[in-house]
Amino acid sequence: MKALVLDSKHPQGVSFQEITLPPLEDHEVRIKVEAAALNHRDEWCRQGNYANLKDGVVLGSDGSGVVTDVGKGVDHSWIGKQIIINPALHWGDEQQAQGLNFRILGMPDHGTFAEFVQVPADRVHSKPDHLSLAEAAALPLAGLTAYRALFYRGGLKQGQNVLVTGIGGGVAQFALQFALAQKANVYVSSSSLKKIDFAKSLGAAGGFIYSDPNWIQEAEKQSGGFDLIIDSAMGDTLSELIDVVRPGGTIVFFGATLGNPAAINVRKIFWKQINLSGTTMGSDRDFEDMVDFVTHHGIKPIVDSVVVFSDTVKAFERMKSGEQMGKLVISLGS
């Protein structure tokens, strides 16, 4: 089958190759991939900025498709069904945190940028009826991360003031959509006025250019401070988030694209009773709750663009440029 694999020797960092999947194990299903979606994780792998990289592995964590075959221990009624994949492998039994064997589909296990993918049967879920296959492919990793950040780690409640930083990325946009569905007052930040205006068109109450030296004062003026902040940048921006979070508020971070902060004013943290909370993708329970939430509220992922499989590198380059507004989806359907 045709697949896009990590290839550190290729100038683009990836290459199309013909690979053969192993025989199905008893607990696995084989899926004809109809659509897949990029995450920043895929781009970091392509750039060589991810742990335990191995050439020849099929990238891609997000995917939707049709089950074509099942292992001996799997219910045959799955065959022919349209599904989405939970890319969180071996989370473990604890809701509080992932276990030592946790990993994500697409590295080191073969992922969804291929004509077929094989996963344990407990990773497949019926596609929500209101979503197309392309929309469904955009949901899993980013949607799961946003849902856990907001509800399990952030304790989001109706009517709270929420700030989602770096709007434009997949997780941030799901966080905006989910918090709006929960009837929170949602604000965003970005370096792009265009992305802020787009967030406002979706229902955001306001937005801030985080490079503006007066953004903290403007945020406090507009919102009065935030009960919950969802962030993926960290770095020295953490001190600014500590300034705009309300006493007793929570800052949840799921990444550190700006690295570690040079310094932290711990006095403000304990004096304001601030909760700093880290999070990752999410548990199996989080995934099921997220799919139910999306279905109940009729939420549709924001899709920036859909490209054919042969143009996947173009989608990578668009992600690298940071121009996208929503998920970048790859169509593999015939």
C-alpha atoms as a PDB file:
ATOM      1  CA  MET A   1       0.000   0.000   0.000  1.00  0.00           C
ATOM      2  CA  LYS A   2       1.031   3.629  -0.492  1.00  0.00           C
ATOM      3  CA  ALA A   3       2.073   5.489   2.648  1.00  0.00           C
ATOM      4  CA  LEU A   4       3.811   8.704   3.701  1.00  0.00           C
ATOM      5  CA  VAL A   5       6.677   7.768   6.013  1.00  0.00           C
ATOM      6  CA  LEU A   6       9.304   9.613   7.976  1.00  0.00           C
ATOM      7  CA  ASP A   7      12.460   9.827   5.881  1.00  0.00           C
ATOM      8  CA  SER A   8      15.259  11.891   7.417  1.00  0.00           C
ATOM      9  CA  LYS A   9      17.407  11.427   4.325  1.00  0.00           C
ATOM     10  CA  HIS A  10      14.828  13.059   2.047  1.00  0.00           C
ATOM     11  CA  PRO A  11      14.989  16.866   1.656  1.00  0.00           C
ATOM     12  CA  GLN A  12      11.335  17.121   2.679  1.00  0.00           C
ATOM     13  CA  GLY A  13      11.779  14.871   5.722  1.00  0.00           C
ATOM     14  CA  VAL A  14       9.089  12.485   4.454  1.00  0.00           C
ATOM     15  CA  SER A  15       8.579  10.364   1.361  1.00  0.00           C
ATOM     16  CA  PHE A  16       5.897   8.240  -0.266  1.00  0.00           C
ATOM     17  CA  GLN A  17       6.741   4.554  -0.122  1.00  0.00           C
ATOM     18  CA  GLU A  18       5.074   1.202  -0.693  1.00  0.00           C
ATOM     19  CA  ILE A  19       4.828  -0.738   2.556  1.00  0.00           C
ATOM     20  CA  THR A  20       3.158  -3.945   3.691  1.00  0.00           C
ATOM     21  CA  LEU A  21       1.227  -4.169   6.923  1.00  0.00           C
ATOM     22  CA  PRO A  22       1.672  -7.285   9.068  1.00  0.00           C
ATOM     23  CA  PRO A  23      -1.154  -9.821   9.475  1.00  0.00           C
ATOM     24  CA  LEU A  24      -3.976  -8.663  11.728  1.00  0.00           C
ATOM     25  CA  GLU A  25      -3.666  -9.674  15.355  1.00  0.00           C
ATOM     26  CA  ASP A  26      -6.737 -11.124  17.075  1.00  0.00           C
ATOM     27  CA  HIS A  27      -7.625  -7.824  18.803  1.00  0.00           C
ATOM     28  CA  GLU A  28      -7.056  -5.530  15.814  1.00  0.00           C
ATOM     29  CA  VAL A  29      -9.079  -4.030  12.972  1.00  0.00           C
ATOM     30  CA  ARG A  30      -7.951  -2.931   9.522  1.00  0.00           C
ATOM     31  CA  ILE A  31      -9.281   0.405   8.304  1.00  0.00           C
ATOM     32  CA  LYS A  32      -9.368   1.840   4.807  1.00  0.00           C
ATOM     33  CA  VAL A  33      -8.386   5.427   5.539  1.00  0.00           C
ATOM     34  CA  GLU A  34     -10.733   7.894   3.862  1.00  0.00           C
ATOM     35  CA  ALA A  35      -9.367  11.049   5.470  1.00  0.00           C
ATOM     36  CA  ALA A  36      -6.525  11.990   7.793  1.00  0.00           C
ATOM     37  CA  ALA A  37      -5.506  15.256   9.436  1.00  0.00           C
ATOM     38  CA  LEU A  38      -2.228  16.905  10.342  1.00  0.00           C
ATOM     39  CA  ASN A  39      -1.147  17.863  13.829  1.00  0.00           C
ATOM     40  CA  HIS A  40       1.894  19.866  14.885  1.00  0.00           C
ATOM     41  CA  ARG A  41       3.270  16.570  16.174  1.00  0.00           C
ATOM     42  CA  ASP A  42       3.584  15.384  12.559  1.00  0.00           C
ATOM     43  CA  GLU A  43       5.467  18.525  11.547  1.00  0.00           C
ATOM     44  CA  TRP A  44       7.806  18.230  14.550  1.00  0.00           C
ATOM     45  CA  CYS A  45       8.553  14.651  13.501  1.00  0.00           C
ATOM     46  CA  ARG A  46       9.254  15.815   9.956  1.00  0.00           C
ATOM     47  CA  GLN A  47      11.670  18.416  11.299  1.00  0.00           C
ATOM     48  CA  GLY A  48      13.388  15.865  13.539  1.00  0.00           C
ATOM     49  CA  ASN A  49      12.233  17.626  16.705  1.00  0.00           C
ATOM     50  CA  TYR A  50      10.502  14.711  18.420  1.00  0.00           C
ATOM     51  CA  ALA A  51      11.666  11.906  20.657  1.00  0.00           C
ATOM     52  CA  ASN A  52      12.480   8.357  19.486  1.00  0.00           C
ATOM     53  CA  LEU A  53      12.078   9.033  15.782  1.00  0.00           C
ATOM     54  CA  LYS A  54      12.497   6.149  13.361  1.00  0.00           C
ATOM     55  CA  ASP A  55      12.633   6.342   9.578  1.00  0.00           C
ATOM     56  CA  GLY A  56      10.047   4.267   7.759  1.00  0.00           C
ATOM     57  CA  VAL A  57       7.234   4.845  10.260  1.00  0.00           C
ATOM     58  CA  VAL A  58       3.946   6.071   8.773  1.00  0.00           C
ATOM     59  CA  LEU A  59       3.068   9.442  10.284  1.00  0.00           C
ATOM     60  CA  GLY A  60      -0.435  10.630  11.146  1.00  0.00           C
ATOM     61  CA  SER A  61      -2.487  10.364  14.337  1.00  0.00           C
ATOM     62  CA  ASP A  62      -5.904  11.519  13.134  1.00  0.00           C
ATOM     63  CA  GLY A  63      -8.038   9.521  10.775  1.00  0.00           C
ATOM     64  CA  SER A  64     -11.480   8.367   9.691  1.00  0.00           C
ATOM     65  CA  GLY A  65     -12.457   5.568   7.380  1.00  0.00           C
ATOM     66  CA  VAL A  66     -14.216   2.264   6.919  1.00  0.00           C
ATOM     67  CA  VAL A  67     -13.406  -0.994   8.699  1.00  0.00           C
ATOM     68  CA  THR A  68     -12.503  -3.608   6.087  1.00  0.00           C
ATOM     69  CA  ASP A  69     -11.355  -6.534   8.232  1.00  0.00           C
ATOM     70  CA  VAL A  70     -11.207  -7.599  11.870  1.00  0.00           C
ATOM     71  CA  GLY A  71      -9.141  -9.990  13.938  1.00  0.00           C
ATOM     72  CA  LYS A  72     -10.489 -13.266  15.292  1.00  0.00           C
ATOM     73  CA  GLY A  73     -11.411 -11.754  18.632  1.00  0.00           C
ATOM     74  CA  VAL A  74     -13.294  -8.751  17.236  1.00  0.00           C
ATOM     75  CA  ASP A  75     -17.019  -8.408  16.565  1.00  0.00           C
ATOM     76  CA  HIS A  76     -17.506  -8.794  12.797  1.00  0.00           C
ATOM     77  CA  SER A  77     -20.332  -6.218  12.836  1.00  0.00           C
ATOM     78  CA  TRP A  78     -17.640  -3.522  12.677  1.00  0.00           C
ATOM     79  CA  ILE A  79     -16.899  -4.457   9.054  1.00  0.00           C
ATOM     80  CA  GLY A  80     -18.241  -1.808   6.676  1.00  0.00           C
ATOM     81  CA  LYS A  81     -18.817   0.818   9.376  1.00  0.00           C
ATOM     82  CA  GLN A  82     -17.564   4.399   9.120  1.00  0.00           C
ATOM     83  CA  ILE A  83     -15.372   5.134  12.110  1.00  0.00           C
ATOM     84  CA  ILE A  84     -12.989   7.578  13.733  1.00  0.00           C
ATOM     85  CA  ILE A  85      -9.837   6.518  15.550  1.00  0.00           C
ATOM     86  CA  ASN A  86      -8.815   7.347  19.107  1.00  0.00           C
ATOM     87  CA  PRO A  87      -5.057   7.831  18.630  1.00  0.00           C
ATOM     88  CA  ALA A  88      -4.217   7.501  22.344  1.00  0.00           C
ATOM     89  CA  LEU A  89      -2.629   4.069  22.833  1.00  0.00           C
ATOM     90  CA  HIS A  90      -2.262   2.379  26.228  1.00  0.00           C
ATOM     91  CA  TRP A  91      -3.394   5.297  28.387  1.00  0.00           C
ATOM     92  CA  GLY A  92      -3.819   2.960  31.346  1.00  0.00           C
ATOM     93  CA  ASP A  93      -6.407   2.541  34.083  1.00  0.00           C
ATOM     94  CA  GLU A  94      -6.049   5.910  35.832  1.00  0.00           C
ATOM     95  CA  GLN A  95      -8.102   8.926  34.801  1.00  0.00           C
ATOM     96  CA  GLN A  96      -5.678  11.272  36.572  1.00  0.00           C
ATOM     97  CA  ALA A  97      -2.706  10.646  34.267  1.00  0.00           C
ATOM     98  CA  GLN A  98      -1.405   8.374  31.527  1.00  0.00           C
ATOM     99  CA  GLY A  99       0.571   5.227  32.311  1.00  0.00           C
ATOM    100  CA  LEU A 100       4.181   4.487  31.467  1.00  0.00           C
ATOM    101  CA  ASN A 101       3.262   2.689  28.227  1.00  0.00           C
ATOM    102  CA  PHE A 102       1.227   5.560  26.803  1.00  0.00           C
ATOM    103  CA  ARG A 103       2.029   6.567  23.237  1.00  0.00           C
ATOM    104  CA  ILE A 104       0.333   8.193  20.275  1.00  0.00           C
ATOM    105  CA  LEU A 105      -0.548   6.630  16.935  1.00  0.00           C
ATOM    106  CA  GLY A 106       1.780   7.741  14.171  1.00  0.00           C
ATOM    107  CA  MET A 107       5.149   7.383  15.908  1.00  0.00           C
ATOM    108  CA  PRO A 108       6.421   4.829  16.818  1.00  0.00           C
ATOM    109  CA  ASP A 109       3.353   2.897  15.549  1.00  0.00           C
ATOM    110  CA  HIS A 110       2.283   3.222  11.906  1.00  0.00           C
ATOM    111  CA  GLY A 111      -0.273   5.999  11.584  1.00  0.00           C
ATOM    112  CA  THR A 112      -2.996   7.275   9.303  1.00  0.00           C
ATOM    113  CA  PHE A 113      -1.089   8.807   6.367  1.00  0.00           C
ATOM    114  CA  ALA A 114      -1.582   5.607   4.413  1.00  0.00           C
ATOM    115  CA  GLU A 115      -4.215   3.794   2.418  1.00  0.00           C
ATOM    116  CA  PHE A 116      -4.798   1.407   5.342  1.00  0.00           C
ATOM    117  CA  VAL A 117      -4.050   1.413   9.064  1.00  0.00           C
ATOM    118  CA  GLN A 118      -4.356  -1.296  11.718  1.00  0.00           C
ATOM    119  CA  VAL A 119      -5.259  -0.453  15.313  1.00  0.00           C
ATOM    120  CA  PRO A 120      -6.642  -2.264  18.362  1.00  0.00           C
ATOM    121  CA  ALA A 121     -10.408  -2.609  18.071  1.00  0.00           C
ATOM    122  CA  ASP A 122     -10.963  -0.554  21.214  1.00  0.00           C
ATOM    123  CA  ARG A 123      -9.491   2.471  19.373  1.00  0.00           C
ATOM    124  CA  VAL A 124     -12.361   2.717  16.892  1.00  0.00           C
ATOM    125  CA  HIS A 125     -15.594   4.625  17.464  1.00  0.00           C
ATOM    126  CA  SER A 126     -18.573   5.125  15.207  1.00  0.00           C
ATOM    127  CA  LYS A 127     -18.341   8.359  13.241  1.00  0.00           C
ATOM    128  CA  PRO A 128     -20.805  10.983  14.529  1.00  0.00           C
ATOM    129  CA  ASP A 129     -23.612  11.161  11.977  1.00  0.00           C
ATOM    130  CA  HIS A 130     -23.477  14.955  11.626  1.00  0.00           C
ATOM    131  CA  LEU A 131     -19.836  14.919  10.516  1.00  0.00           C
ATOM    132  CA  SER A 132     -18.431  14.190   7.091  1.00  0.00           C
ATOM    133  CA  LEU A 133     -15.454  11.846   6.918  1.00  0.00           C
ATOM    134  CA  ALA A 134     -13.143  14.847   6.421  1.00  0.00           C
ATOM    135  CA  GLU A 135     -14.605  16.648   9.445  1.00  0.00           C
ATOM    136  CA  ALA A 136     -14.429  13.483  11.539  1.00  0.00           C
ATOM    137  CA  ALA A 137     -10.755  13.011  10.673  1.00  0.00           C
ATOM    138  CA  ALA A 138     -10.048  16.490  12.046  1.00  0.00           C
ATOM    139  CA  LEU A 139     -11.504  15.728  15.473  1.00  0.00           C
ATOM    140  CA  PRO A 140      -9.583  13.100  17.482  1.00  0.00           C
ATOM    141  CA  LEU A 141      -6.210  14.330  18.766  1.00  0.00           C
ATOM    142  CA  ALA A 142      -6.889  18.048  19.011  1.00  0.00           C
ATOM    143  CA  GLY A 143     -10.478  17.585  20.151  1.00  0.00           C
ATOM    144  CA  LEU A 144      -9.461  15.164  22.875  1.00  0.00           C
ATOM    145  CA  THR A 145      -6.672  17.447  24.095  1.00  0.00           C
ATOM    146  CA  ALA A 146      -8.969  20.472  24.230  1.00  0.00           C
ATOM    147  CA  TYR A 147     -11.766  18.583  25.965  1.00  0.00           C
ATOM    148  CA  ARG A 148      -9.539  17.250  28.746  1.00  0.00           C
ATOM    149  CA  ALA A 149      -7.877  20.642  29.209  1.00  0.00           C
ATOM    150  CA  LEU A 150     -11.196  22.427  29.573  1.00  0.00           C
ATOM    151  CA  PHE A 151     -13.342  20.001  31.516  1.00  0.00           C
ATOM    152  CA  TYR A 152     -11.192  17.540  33.432  1.00  0.00           C
ATOM    153  CA  ARG A 153      -8.137  19.654  34.168  1.00  0.00           C
ATOM    154  CA  GLY A 154      -9.778  23.082  33.923  1.00  0.00           C
ATOM    155  CA  GLY A 155     -13.144  22.354  35.537  1.00  0.00           C
ATOM    156  CA  LEU A 156     -14.932  24.638  33.078  1.00  0.00           C
ATOM    157  CA  LYS A 157     -18.317  25.946  34.200  1.00  0.00           C
ATOM    158  CA  GLN A 158     -21.016  27.899  32.431  1.00  0.00           C
ATOM    159  CA  GLY A 159     -20.560  31.666  32.617  1.00  0.00           C
ATOM    160  CA  GLN A 160     -16.838  31.631  33.369  1.00  0.00           C
ATOM    161  CA  ASN A 161     -14.381  33.903  31.611  1.00  0.00           C
ATOM    162  CA  VAL A 162     -11.987  31.829  29.504  1.00  0.00           C
ATOM    163  CA  LEU A 163      -8.876  32.864  27.575  1.00  0.00           C
ATOM    164  CA  VAL A 164      -7.614  30.597  24.787  1.00  0.00           C
ATOM    165  CA  THR A 165      -4.139  31.625  23.657  1.00  0.00           C
ATOM    166  CA  GLY A 166      -2.668  31.103  20.196  1.00  0.00           C
ATOM    167  CA  ILE A 167      -5.989  30.853  18.405  1.00  0.00           C
ATOM    168  CA  GLY A 168      -5.556  29.267  14.988  1.00  0.00           C
ATOM    169  CA  GLY A 169      -4.087  25.973  16.115  1.00  0.00           C
ATOM    170  CA  GLY A 170      -6.287  22.893  16.187  1.00  0.00           C
ATOM    171  CA  VAL A 171      -6.483  22.456  19.970  1.00  0.00           C
ATOM    172  CA  ALA A 172      -7.077  26.168  20.525  1.00  0.00           C
ATOM    173  CA  GLN A 173      -9.941  26.273  18.055  1.00  0.00           C
ATOM    174  CA  PHE A 174     -11.606  23.242  19.598  1.00  0.00           C
ATOM    175  CA  ALA A 175     -11.163  24.844  23.019  1.00  0.00           C
ATOM    176  CA  LEU A 176     -12.952  27.934  21.682  1.00  0.00           C
ATOM    177  CA  GLN A 177     -15.791  25.887  20.195  1.00  0.00           C
ATOM    178  CA  PHE A 178     -16.220  23.666  23.256  1.00  0.00           C
ATOM    179  CA  ALA A 179     -16.134  26.554  25.731  1.00  0.00           C
ATOM    180  CA  LEU A 180     -18.693  28.475  23.682  1.00  0.00           C
ATOM    181  CA  ALA A 181     -20.943  25.403  23.629  1.00  0.00           C
ATOM    182  CA  GLN A 182     -20.620  25.323  27.433  1.00  0.00           C
ATOM    183  CA  LYS A 183     -21.835  28.973  27.447  1.00  0.00           C
ATOM    184  CA  ALA A 184     -18.589  30.424  28.749  1.00  0.00           C
ATOM    185  CA  ASN A 185     -17.393  33.931  27.904  1.00  0.00           C
ATOM    186  CA  VAL A 186     -14.450  33.171  25.647  1.00  0.00           C
ATOM    187  CA  TYR A 187     -11.602  35.473  24.669  1.00  0.00           C
ATOM    188  CA  VAL A 188      -8.620  34.641  22.479  1.00  0.00           C
ATOM    189  CA  SER A 189      -5.104  35.856  21.801  1.00  0.00           C
ATOM    190  CA  SER A 190      -2.954  35.654  18.696  1.00  0.00           C
ATOM    191  CA  SER A 191      -0.253  37.463  16.755  1.00  0.00           C
ATOM    192  CA  SER A 192      -2.730  37.740  13.875  1.00  0.00           C
ATOM    193  CA  LEU A 193      -5.640  40.173  13.797  1.00  0.00           C
ATOM    194  CA  LYS A 194      -7.172  38.057  11.017  1.00  0.00           C
ATOM    195  CA  LYS A 195      -7.290  35.021  13.318  1.00  0.00           C
ATOM    196  CA  ILE A 196      -8.769  37.084  16.144  1.00  0.00           C
ATOM    197  CA  ASP A 197     -11.484  38.412  13.832  1.00  0.00           C
ATOM    198  CA  PHE A 198     -12.213  34.855  12.707  1.00  0.00           C
ATOM    199  CA  ALA A 199     -12.569  33.763  16.347  1.00  0.00           C
ATOM    200  CA  LYS A 200     -14.967  36.635  16.957  1.00  0.00           C
ATOM    201  CA  SER A 201     -17.034  35.502  13.985  1.00  0.00           C
ATOM    202  CA  LEU A 202     -17.405  32.154  15.759  1.00  0.00           C
ATOM    203  CA  GLY A 203     -18.587  33.822  18.954  1.00  0.00           C
ATOM    204  CA  ALA A 204     -15.490  34.908  20.880  1.00  0.00           C
ATOM    205  CA  ALA A 205     -16.211  37.921  23.092  1.00  0.00           C
ATOM    206  CA  GLY A 206     -12.890  39.586  22.304  1.00  0.00           C
ATOM    207  CA  GLY A 207      -9.293  39.087  21.337  1.00  0.00           C
ATOM    208  CA  PHE A 208      -5.829  40.425  22.004  1.00  0.00           C
ATOM    209  CA  ILE A 209      -2.580  40.731  20.052  1.00  0.00           C
ATOM    210  CA  TYR A 210      -0.184  39.188  22.550  1.00  0.00           C
ATOM    211  CA  SER A 211       2.787  41.125  21.163  1.00  0.00           C
ATOM    212  CA  ASP A 212       1.053  44.398  22.065  1.00  0.00           C
ATOM    213  CA  PRO A 213       2.713  45.652  25.284  1.00  0.00           C
ATOM    214  CA  ASN A 214      -0.694  46.871  26.515  1.00  0.00           C
ATOM    215  CA  TRP A 215      -2.592  43.616  25.951  1.00  0.00           C
ATOM    216  CA  ILE A 216      -2.741  42.767  29.660  1.00  0.00           C
ATOM    217  CA  GLN A 217      -4.392  46.070  30.531  1.00  0.00           C
ATOM    218  CA  GLU A 218      -6.786  45.711  27.610  1.00  0.00           C
ATOM    219  CA  ALA A 219      -7.675  42.139  28.629  1.00  0.00           C
ATOM    220  CA  GLU A 220      -8.391  43.208  32.204  1.00  0.00           C
ATOM    221  CA  LYS A 221     -10.473  46.130  30.946  1.00  0.00           C
ATOM    222  CA  GLN A 222     -12.567  43.962  28.620  1.00  0.00           C
ATOM    223  CA  SER A 223     -12.969  40.866  30.776  1.00  0.00           C
ATOM    224  CA  GLY A 224     -12.107  41.708  34.358  1.00  0.00           C
ATOM    225  CA  GLY A 225      -9.708  38.754  34.330  1.00  0.00           C
ATOM    226  CA  PHE A 226     -10.037  35.086  33.479  1.00  0.00           C
ATOM    227  CA  ASP A 227     -11.237  32.120  35.506  1.00  0.00           C
ATOM    228  CA  LEU A 228      -9.542  29.684  33.128  1.00  0.00           C
ATOM    229  CA  ILE A 229      -6.701  30.048  30.636  1.00  0.00           C
ATOM    230  CA  ILE A 230      -5.810  27.383  28.060  1.00  0.00           C
ATOM    231  CA  ASP A 231      -2.241  27.757  26.773  1.00  0.00           C
ATOM    232  CA  SER A 232       0.321  25.862  24.715  1.00  0.00           C
ATOM    233  CA  ALA A 233       3.182  28.363  24.566  1.00  0.00           C
ATOM    234  CA  MET A 234       4.500  28.836  28.131  1.00  0.00           C
ATOM    235  CA  GLY A 235       7.941  30.453  27.979  1.00  0.00           C
ATOM    236  CA  ASP A 236       8.100  33.960  29.372  1.00  0.00           C
ATOM    237  CA  THR A 237       4.426  34.543  28.489  1.00  0.00           C
ATOM    238  CA  LEU A 238       3.533  32.594  31.643  1.00  0.00           C
ATOM    239  CA  SER A 239       4.157  35.686  33.775  1.00  0.00           C
ATOM    240  CA  GLU A 240       1.598  37.585  31.673  1.00  0.00           C
ATOM    241  CA  LEU A 241      -0.969  34.830  32.096  1.00  0.00           C
ATOM    242  CA  ILE A 242      -0.400  34.916  35.854  1.00  0.00           C
ATOM    243  CA  ASP A 243      -1.210  38.637  35.714  1.00  0.00           C
ATOM    244  CA  VAL A 244      -4.523  38.218  33.870  1.00  0.00           C
ATOM    245  CA  VAL A 245      -5.874  35.119  35.634  1.00  0.00           C
ATOM    246  CA  ARG A 246      -8.329  35.853  38.426  1.00  0.00           C
ATOM    247  CA  PRO A 247      -7.578  34.973  42.059  1.00  0.00           C
ATOM    248  CA  GLY A 248      -8.381  31.283  42.451  1.00  0.00           C
ATOM    249  CA  GLY A 249      -8.242  30.807  38.691  1.00  0.00           C
ATOM    250  CA  THR A 250      -6.607  28.044  36.681  1.00  0.00           C
ATOM    251  CA  ILE A 251      -3.998  28.003  33.907  1.00  0.00           C
ATOM    252  CA  VAL A 252      -3.942  24.745  31.938  1.00  0.00           C
ATOM    253  CA  PHE A 253      -1.063  24.189  29.523  1.00  0.00           C
ATOM    254  CA  PHE A 254      -0.692  21.365  27.019  1.00  0.00           C
ATOM    255  CA  GLY A 255       2.579  22.407  25.403  1.00  0.00           C
ATOM    256  CA  ALA A 256       5.606  24.644  25.676  1.00  0.00           C
ATOM    257  CA  THR A 257       6.377  25.862  22.165  1.00  0.00           C
ATOM    258  CA  LEU A 258       8.271  28.833  23.626  1.00  0.00           C
ATOM    259  CA  GLY A 259      10.215  26.629  26.023  1.00  0.00           C
ATOM    260  CA  ASN A 260      10.599  27.060  29.766  1.00  0.00           C
ATOM    261  CA  PRO A 261      10.049  30.440  31.427  1.00  0.00           C
ATOM    262  CA  ALA A 262      13.225  32.226  32.447  1.00  0.00           C
ATOM    263  CA  ALA A 263      11.665  33.165  35.770  1.00  0.00           C
ATOM    264  CA  ILE A 264       8.375  32.703  37.599  1.00  0.00           C
ATOM    265  CA  ASN A 265       6.937  35.065  40.188  1.00  0.00           C
ATOM    266  CA  VAL A 266       5.903  32.396  42.646  1.00  0.00           C
ATOM    267  CA  ARG A 267       4.604  34.991  45.098  1.00  0.00           C
ATOM    268  CA  LYS A 268       1.838  35.927  42.687  1.00  0.00           C
ATOM    269  CA  ILE A 269       0.969  32.257  42.250  1.00  0.00           C
ATOM    270  CA  PHE A 270       0.428  31.521  45.915  1.00  0.00           C
ATOM    271  CA  TRP A 271      -0.995  34.949  46.801  1.00  0.00           C
ATOM    272  CA  LYS A 272      -3.591  34.737  44.016  1.00  0.00           C
ATOM    273  CA  GLN A 273      -4.273  31.063  44.822  1.00  0.00           C
ATOM    274  CA  ILE A 274      -3.601  30.157  41.181  1.00  0.00           C
ATOM    275  CA  ASN A 275      -3.812  26.578  39.942  1.00  0.00           C
ATOM    276  CA  LEU A 276      -1.180  25.608  37.349  1.00  0.00           C
ATOM    277  CA  SER A 277      -2.241  22.418  35.605  1.00  0.00           C
ATOM    278  CA  GLY A 278      -0.492  20.393  32.917  1.00  0.00           C
ATOM    279  CA  THR A 279      -2.371  18.121  30.546  1.00  0.00           C
ATOM    280  CA  THR A 280      -1.911  15.806  27.565  1.00  0.00           C
ATOM    281  CA  MET A 281      -4.305  14.232  25.089  1.00  0.00           C
ATOM    282  CA  GLY A 282      -6.697  12.357  27.346  1.00  0.00           C
ATOM    283  CA  SER A 283      -8.035   9.078  28.622  1.00  0.00           C
ATOM    284  CA  ASP A 284     -10.475   6.702  26.959  1.00  0.00           C
ATOM    285  CA  ARG A 285     -13.219   8.177  29.149  1.00  0.00           C
ATOM    286  CA  ASP A 286     -12.274  11.677  27.995  1.00  0.00           C
ATOM    287  CA  PHE A 287     -12.490  10.552  24.355  1.00  0.00           C
ATOM    288  CA  GLU A 288     -15.941   9.028  24.783  1.00  0.00           C
ATOM    289  CA  ASP A 289     -17.168  12.118  26.653  1.00  0.00           C
ATOM    290  CA  MET A 290     -15.685  14.376  23.972  1.00  0.00           C
ATOM    291  CA  VAL A 291     -17.444  12.520  21.145  1.00  0.00           C
ATOM    292  CA  ASP A 292     -20.737  12.649  23.091  1.00  0.00           C
ATOM    293  CA  PHE A 293     -20.265  16.389  23.695  1.00  0.00           C
ATOM    294  CA  VAL A 294     -19.532  17.068  20.017  1.00  0.00           C
ATOM    295  CA  THR A 295     -22.545  14.994  18.969  1.00  0.00           C
ATOM    296  CA  HIS A 296     -24.920  16.566  21.507  1.00  0.00           C
ATOM    297  CA  HIS A 297     -23.966  20.116  20.526  1.00  0.00           C
ATOM    298  CA  GLY A 298     -23.615  19.424  16.813  1.00  0.00           C
ATOM    299  CA  ILE A 299     -20.079  20.816  16.795  1.00  0.00           C
ATOM    300  CA  LYS A 300     -18.208  20.635  13.496  1.00  0.00           C
ATOM    301  CA  PRO A 301     -14.417  20.923  13.354  1.00  0.00           C
ATOM    302  CA  ILE A 302     -13.098  23.956  11.526  1.00  0.00           C
ATOM    303  CA  VAL A 303     -11.342  22.700   8.402  1.00  0.00           C
ATOM    304  CA  ASP A 304      -8.829  25.052   6.813  1.00  0.00           C
ATOM    305  CA  SER A 305      -8.395  23.026   3.654  1.00  0.00           C
ATOM    306  CA  VAL A 306      -8.552  19.536   2.212  1.00  0.00           C
ATOM    307  CA  VAL A 307      -5.775  18.246  -0.052  1.00  0.00           C
ATOM    308  CA  VAL A 308      -5.410  14.997  -1.950  1.00  0.00           C
ATOM    309  CA  PHE A 309      -2.942  12.445  -0.596  1.00  0.00           C
ATOM    310  CA  SER A 310      -0.263  13.243  -3.169  1.00  0.00           C
ATOM    311  CA  ASP A 311      -0.252  16.886  -1.993  1.00  0.00           C
ATOM    312  CA  THR A 312       0.309  16.104   1.687  1.00  0.00           C
ATOM    313  CA  VAL A 313       3.659  17.902   1.751  1.00  0.00           C
ATOM    314  CA  LYS A 314       1.848  21.103   0.722  1.00  0.00           C
ATOM    315  CA  ALA A 315      -0.291  20.752   3.840  1.00  0.00           C
ATOM    316  CA  PHE A 316       2.857  20.291   5.921  1.00  0.00           C
ATOM    317  CA  GLU A 317       4.301  23.487   4.476  1.00  0.00           C
ATOM    318  CA  ARG A 318       1.100  25.404   5.223  1.00  0.00           C
ATOM    319  CA  MET A 319       1.238  24.217   8.820  1.00  0.00           C
ATOM    320  CA  LYS A 320       4.899  25.226   9.033  1.00  0.00           C
ATOM    321  CA  SER A 321       3.993  28.736   7.859  1.00  0.00           C
ATOM    322  CA  GLY A 322       1.323  29.059  10.563  1.00  0.00           C
ATOM    323  CA  GLU A 323      -1.207  30.449   8.088  1.00  0.00           C
ATOM    324  CA  GLN A 324      -3.917  27.854   8.644  1.00  0.00           C
ATOM    325  CA  MET A 325      -7.259  28.608  10.283  1.00  0.00           C
ATOM    326  CA  GLY A 326      -8.459  25.208  11.370  1.00  0.00           C
ATOM    327  CA  LYS A 327      -7.394  21.679  10.617  1.00  0.00           C
ATOM    328  CA  LEU A 328      -5.475  20.598   7.538  1.00  0.00           C
ATOM    329  CA  VAL A 329      -7.128  17.479   6.152  1.00  0.00           C
ATOM    330  CA  ILE A 330      -5.861  14.908   3.669  1.00  0.00           C
ATOM    331  CA  SER A 331      -8.344  13.071   1.466  1.00  0.00           C
ATOM    332  CA  LEU A 332      -7.461   9.457   0.664  1.00  0.00           C
ATOM    333  CA  GLY A 333     -10.913   8.428  -0.508  1.00  0.00           C
ATOM    334  CA  SER A 334     -11.398   7.047  -3.979  1.00  0.00           C
END
